[in-house]
């Protein structure tokens, strides 16, 4: 006949063993959950700081944060489930095999959450690369804008100089036309004076002819110089890709 005291002692030891195993399993599961929650929190904080610089990336990041919050919520539910399970274990004293099955299930769920968080981290890293590329693109755009502004300012100066030179050339042509008319008269008058065919010819007509001729030469030289500058401006503006606006 089996001794009732020995049976009671065996049952007591079995109960202690179950409690010890259960406590170990629960601690392990909680440790995994806490670790994953800590990783989730850090990942979320890092992406928030990185997204403040650009509105578009902030919107994309908001979606990722929402997914991360959902994962955290699922993790919290898992923790609550684990707590509830622990309470049920204490209340119902179920077998060690049942607790092992439940612990394995929770471990699988925790592993899935861990994998999801790793995937989320990779996604966030990609977003960080996208932010860097966008920043570089913005900097390049700013640089191009500055260059365009400089080119426009340069073109404005070129075209203003060209317009001024053209106006001066037009004025010189007007002066030249008047001077040629005067010079032609002085040439005739000087020739008449030299021939002595008329007493009306003035003695200084030849001197005035020379002055007019020298003045005409200077006007022609000035026109040529200004025309050369105009041509040079045309070549320069064409070389740097500028086009004169239609008048």
Protein backbone atom coordinates (compact mmCIF):
# COMPACT_ATOMS: atom_id res chain seq x y z
CA UNK A 1 0.00 0.00 0.00
CA UNK A 2 1.32 3.47 -0.92
CA UNK A 3 2.10 5.72 2.01
CA UNK A 4 -0.21 8.76 1.92
CA UNK A 5 2.51 10.96 3.42
CA UNK A 6 4.93 10.04 0.63
CA UNK A 7 2.29 10.81 -1.98
CA UNK A 8 1.62 14.19 -0.40
CA UNK A 9 5.34 14.92 -0.32
CA UNK A 10 5.70 14.02 -4.02
CA UNK A 11 2.76 16.18 -4.96
CA UNK A 12 4.23 19.09 -3.02
CA UNK A 13 7.62 18.70 -4.72
CA UNK A 14 5.95 18.46 -8.08
CA UNK A 15 4.02 21.68 -7.37
CA UNK A 16 7.23 23.48 -6.37
CA UNK A 17 8.97 22.25 -9.49
CA UNK A 18 6.11 23.50 -11.67
CA UNK A 19 6.18 26.89 -9.96
CA UNK A 20 9.94 27.18 -10.39
CA UNK A 21 9.81 26.25 -14.09
CA UNK A 22 6.87 28.56 -14.64
CA UNK A 23 8.64 31.47 -12.98
CA UNK A 24 11.70 30.93 -15.17
CA UNK A 25 9.62 30.81 -18.32
CA UNK A 26 7.72 33.95 -17.40
CA UNK A 27 10.90 35.87 -16.57
CA UNK A 28 12.46 34.84 -19.87
CA UNK A 29 9.38 35.92 -21.84
CA UNK A 30 9.20 39.24 -19.98
CA UNK A 31 12.89 39.84 -20.62
CA UNK A 32 12.44 39.29 -24.35
CA UNK A 33 9.39 41.56 -24.39
CA UNK A 34 11.14 44.31 -22.43
CA UNK A 35 14.19 44.16 -24.70
CA UNK A 36 12.09 44.47 -27.83
CA UNK A 37 10.09 47.32 -26.30
CA UNK A 38 13.37 49.12 -25.52
CA UNK A 39 14.58 48.64 -29.10
CA UNK A 40 11.25 49.93 -30.44
CA UNK A 41 11.46 53.04 -28.26
CA UNK A 42 15.00 53.89 -29.38
CA UNK A 43 14.19 53.41 -33.06
CA UNK A 44 11.15 55.66 -32.73
CA UNK A 45 13.13 58.43 -31.00
CA UNK A 46 15.91 58.38 -33.58
CA UNK A 47 13.57 58.73 -36.56
CA UNK A 48 11.62 61.59 -34.96
CA UNK A 49 14.83 63.62 -34.60
CA UNK A 50 15.94 62.82 -38.17
CA UNK A 51 12.59 63.83 -39.77
CA UNK A 52 12.22 67.35 -38.36
CA UNK A 53 14.17 68.91 -41.27
CA UNK A 54 11.84 68.08 -44.12
CA UNK A 55 8.04 68.00 -44.37
CA UNK A 56 7.76 65.23 -46.91
CA UNK A 57 10.00 62.87 -44.96
CA UNK A 58 8.12 63.77 -41.77
CA UNK A 59 4.88 62.58 -43.38
CA UNK A 60 6.48 59.30 -44.43
CA UNK A 61 8.03 58.96 -41.02
CA UNK A 62 4.64 59.57 -39.39
CA UNK A 63 3.32 56.49 -41.20
CA UNK A 64 6.24 54.42 -40.00
CA UNK A 65 5.81 55.69 -36.44
CA UNK A 66 2.13 54.74 -36.61
CA UNK A 67 3.13 51.20 -37.62
CA UNK A 68 5.71 51.14 -34.85
CA UNK A 69 3.10 52.25 -32.32
CA UNK A 70 0.89 49.44 -33.52
CA UNK A 71 3.72 47.01 -32.90
CA UNK A 72 4.21 48.45 -29.45
CA UNK A 73 0.51 48.08 -28.82
CA UNK A 74 0.70 44.45 -29.91
CA UNK A 75 3.68 43.98 -27.64
CA UNK A 76 1.75 45.53 -24.75
CA UNK A 77 -1.11 43.15 -25.48
CA UNK A 78 1.36 40.28 -25.40
CA UNK A 79 2.61 41.47 -22.02
CA UNK A 80 -0.94 41.70 -20.73
CA UNK A 81 -1.63 38.23 -22.08
CA UNK A 82 1.46 36.97 -20.31
CA UNK A 83 0.35 38.61 -17.05
CA UNK A 84 -3.11 37.16 -17.41
CA UNK A 85 -1.59 33.78 -18.16
CA UNK A 86 0.52 33.99 -15.01
CA UNK A 87 -2.56 34.77 -12.94
CA UNK A 88 -4.41 31.89 -14.52
CA UNK A 89 -1.46 29.63 -13.84
CA UNK A 90 -1.54 30.51 -10.17
CA UNK A 91 -5.29 30.10 -10.01
CA UNK A 92 -5.74 26.92 -12.04
CA UNK A 93 -2.39 25.13 -11.42
CA UNK A 94 -2.29 23.74 -14.96
CA UNK A 95 0.30 21.20 -16.02
CA UNK A 96 3.91 22.09 -16.90
CA UNK A 97 3.36 20.89 -20.45
CA UNK A 98 0.57 23.44 -21.01
CA UNK A 99 2.75 26.25 -19.67
CA UNK A 100 5.62 25.17 -21.90
CA UNK A 101 3.33 25.25 -24.93
CA UNK A 102 2.08 28.71 -23.99
CA UNK A 103 5.64 29.93 -23.38
CA UNK A 104 6.72 28.60 -26.77
CA UNK A 105 3.83 30.40 -28.41
CA UNK A 106 4.75 33.67 -26.71
CA UNK A 107 8.37 33.24 -27.71
CA UNK A 108 7.30 32.77 -31.31
CA UNK A 109 5.18 35.91 -31.12
CA UNK A 110 8.04 37.83 -29.53
CA UNK A 111 10.39 36.62 -32.23
CA UNK A 112 7.96 37.83 -34.85
CA UNK A 113 7.77 41.23 -33.16
CA UNK A 114 11.56 41.34 -33.02
CA UNK A 115 11.77 40.58 -36.74
CA UNK A 116 9.16 43.23 -37.48
CA UNK A 117 11.13 45.79 -35.49
CA UNK A 118 14.32 44.89 -37.35
CA UNK A 119 12.49 45.35 -40.63
CA UNK A 120 11.16 48.68 -39.41
CA UNK A 121 14.68 49.76 -38.50
CA UNK A 122 15.88 48.90 -42.01
CA UNK A 123 13.02 50.90 -43.47
CA UNK A 124 13.92 53.88 -41.30
CA UNK A 125 17.55 53.63 -42.38
CA UNK A 126 16.39 53.78 -45.99
CA UNK A 127 14.37 56.86 -45.13
CA UNK A 128 17.48 58.45 -43.62
CA UNK A 129 19.32 57.83 -46.89
CA UNK A 130 16.38 59.41 -48.74
CA UNK A 131 16.61 62.47 -46.46
CA UNK A 132 20.33 62.80 -47.17
CA UNK A 133 19.75 62.52 -50.91
CA UNK A 134 16.96 65.09 -50.74
CA UNK A 135 19.20 67.43 -48.73
CA UNK A 136 21.96 67.07 -51.32
CA UNK A 137 19.43 67.72 -54.08
CA UNK A 138 18.19 70.86 -52.31
CA UNK A 139 21.75 72.11 -51.87
CA UNK A 140 22.42 71.53 -55.57
CA UNK A 141 19.23 73.40 -56.43
CA UNK A 142 20.26 76.34 -54.26
CA UNK A 143 23.67 76.37 -55.93
CA UNK A 144 22.12 76.31 -59.41
CA UNK A 145 19.77 79.12 -58.41
CA UNK A 146 22.68 81.24 -57.21
CA UNK A 147 24.56 80.60 -60.45
CA UNK A 148 21.48 81.50 -62.50
CA UNK A 149 21.09 84.73 -60.53
CA UNK A 150 24.73 85.59 -61.17
CA UNK A 151 24.33 84.81 -64.88
CA UNK A 152 21.19 86.94 -65.10
CA UNK A 153 22.94 89.82 -63.34
CA UNK A 154 25.91 89.46 -65.66
CA UNK A 155 23.65 89.38 -68.71
CA UNK A 156 21.91 92.51 -67.48
CA UNK A 157 25.24 94.33 -67.25
CA UNK A 158 26.34 93.03 -70.67
CA UNK A 159 23.15 94.07 -72.40
CA UNK A 160 23.11 97.46 -70.69
CA UNK A 161 26.70 98.09 -71.81
CA UNK A 162 25.85 96.93 -75.31
CA UNK A 163 22.81 99.23 -75.46
CA UNK A 164 24.87 102.17 -74.22
CA UNK A 165 27.59 101.49 -76.79
CA UNK A 166 25.04 101.19 -79.58
CA UNK A 167 23.49 104.52 -78.58
CA UNK A 168 26.92 106.13 -78.59
CA UNK A 169 27.67 104.65 -82.02
CA UNK A 170 24.38 106.03 -83.34
CA UNK A 171 25.24 109.48 -81.97
CA UNK A 172 28.71 109.29 -83.55
CA UNK A 173 27.16 108.34 -86.90
CA UNK A 174 24.89 111.39 -86.64
CA UNK A 175 27.89 113.61 -85.87
CA UNK A 176 29.82 111.97 -88.71
CA UNK A 177 27.07 112.67 -91.22
CA UNK A 178 26.96 116.35 -90.23
CA UNK A 179 30.76 116.59 -90.23
CA UNK A 180 31.04 115.04 -93.71
CA UNK A 181 28.66 117.66 -95.07
CA UNK A 182 30.73 120.42 -93.44
CA UNK A 183 33.99 118.84 -94.61
CA UNK A 184 32.80 118.68 -98.22
CA UNK A 185 32.01 122.39 -98.14
CA UNK A 186 35.39 123.20 -96.59
CA UNK A 187 37.20 121.07 -99.19
CA UNK A 188 35.61 123.09 -102.00
CA UNK A 189 36.23 126.37 -100.25
CA UNK A 190 39.89 125.51 -99.58
CA UNK A 191 40.42 124.49 -103.20
CA UNK A 192 38.86 127.77 -104.41
CA UNK A 193 41.15 129.68 -102.02
CA UNK A 194 44.21 127.82 -103.26
CA UNK A 195 43.23 128.35 -106.89
CA UNK A 196 42.53 132.03 -106.24
CA UNK A 197 39.44 131.96 -108.38
CA UNK A 198 37.26 133.80 -105.88
CA UNK A 199 37.84 136.60 -103.40
CA UNK A 200 35.03 135.26 -101.26
CA UNK A 201 37.02 132.17 -100.19
CA UNK A 202 38.32 132.58 -96.62
CA UNK A 203 41.98 132.19 -95.84
CA UNK A 204 41.35 129.81 -92.90
CA UNK A 205 39.18 127.43 -94.93
CA UNK A 206 42.07 124.98 -95.41
CA UNK A 207 42.87 124.99 -91.69
CA UNK A 208 39.24 124.36 -90.85
CA UNK A 209 39.17 121.57 -93.43
CA UNK A 210 42.13 119.90 -91.70
CA UNK A 211 40.44 120.23 -88.28
CA UNK A 212 37.24 118.74 -89.66
CA UNK A 213 39.19 115.94 -91.34
CA UNK A 214 41.02 115.10 -88.10
CA UNK A 215 37.73 115.16 -86.20
CA UNK A 216 36.17 112.80 -88.76
CA UNK A 217 39.12 110.43 -88.37
CA UNK A 218 38.70 110.35 -84.57
CA UNK A 219 34.96 109.75 -84.92
CA UNK A 220 35.63 106.82 -87.28
CA UNK A 221 38.18 105.38 -84.84
CA UNK A 222 35.73 105.75 -81.96
CA UNK A 223 32.97 104.06 -83.97
CA UNK A 224 35.29 101.17 -84.85
CA UNK A 225 36.35 100.75 -81.20
CA UNK A 226 32.79 100.77 -79.92
CA UNK A 227 31.66 98.37 -82.66
CA UNK A 228 34.47 96.02 -81.64
CA UNK A 229 33.27 96.12 -78.02
CA UNK A 230 29.72 95.35 -79.15
CA UNK A 231 30.96 92.36 -81.16
CA UNK A 232 33.01 91.17 -78.16
CA UNK A 233 29.93 91.37 -75.89
CA UNK A 234 27.95 89.36 -78.45
CA UNK A 235 30.62 86.66 -78.54
CA UNK A 236 30.89 86.59 -74.73
CA UNK A 237 27.15 86.33 -74.13
CA UNK A 238 26.89 83.61 -76.76
CA UNK A 239 29.78 81.70 -75.15
CA UNK A 240 28.13 81.63 -71.71
CA UNK A 241 24.70 80.77 -73.13
CA UNK A 242 22.98 84.15 -72.71
CA UNK A 243 20.37 85.39 -75.11
CA UNK A 244 19.33 88.95 -75.57
CA UNK A 245 15.69 89.61 -74.76
CA UNK A 246 13.50 90.65 -77.65
CA UNK A 247 12.99 94.38 -77.67
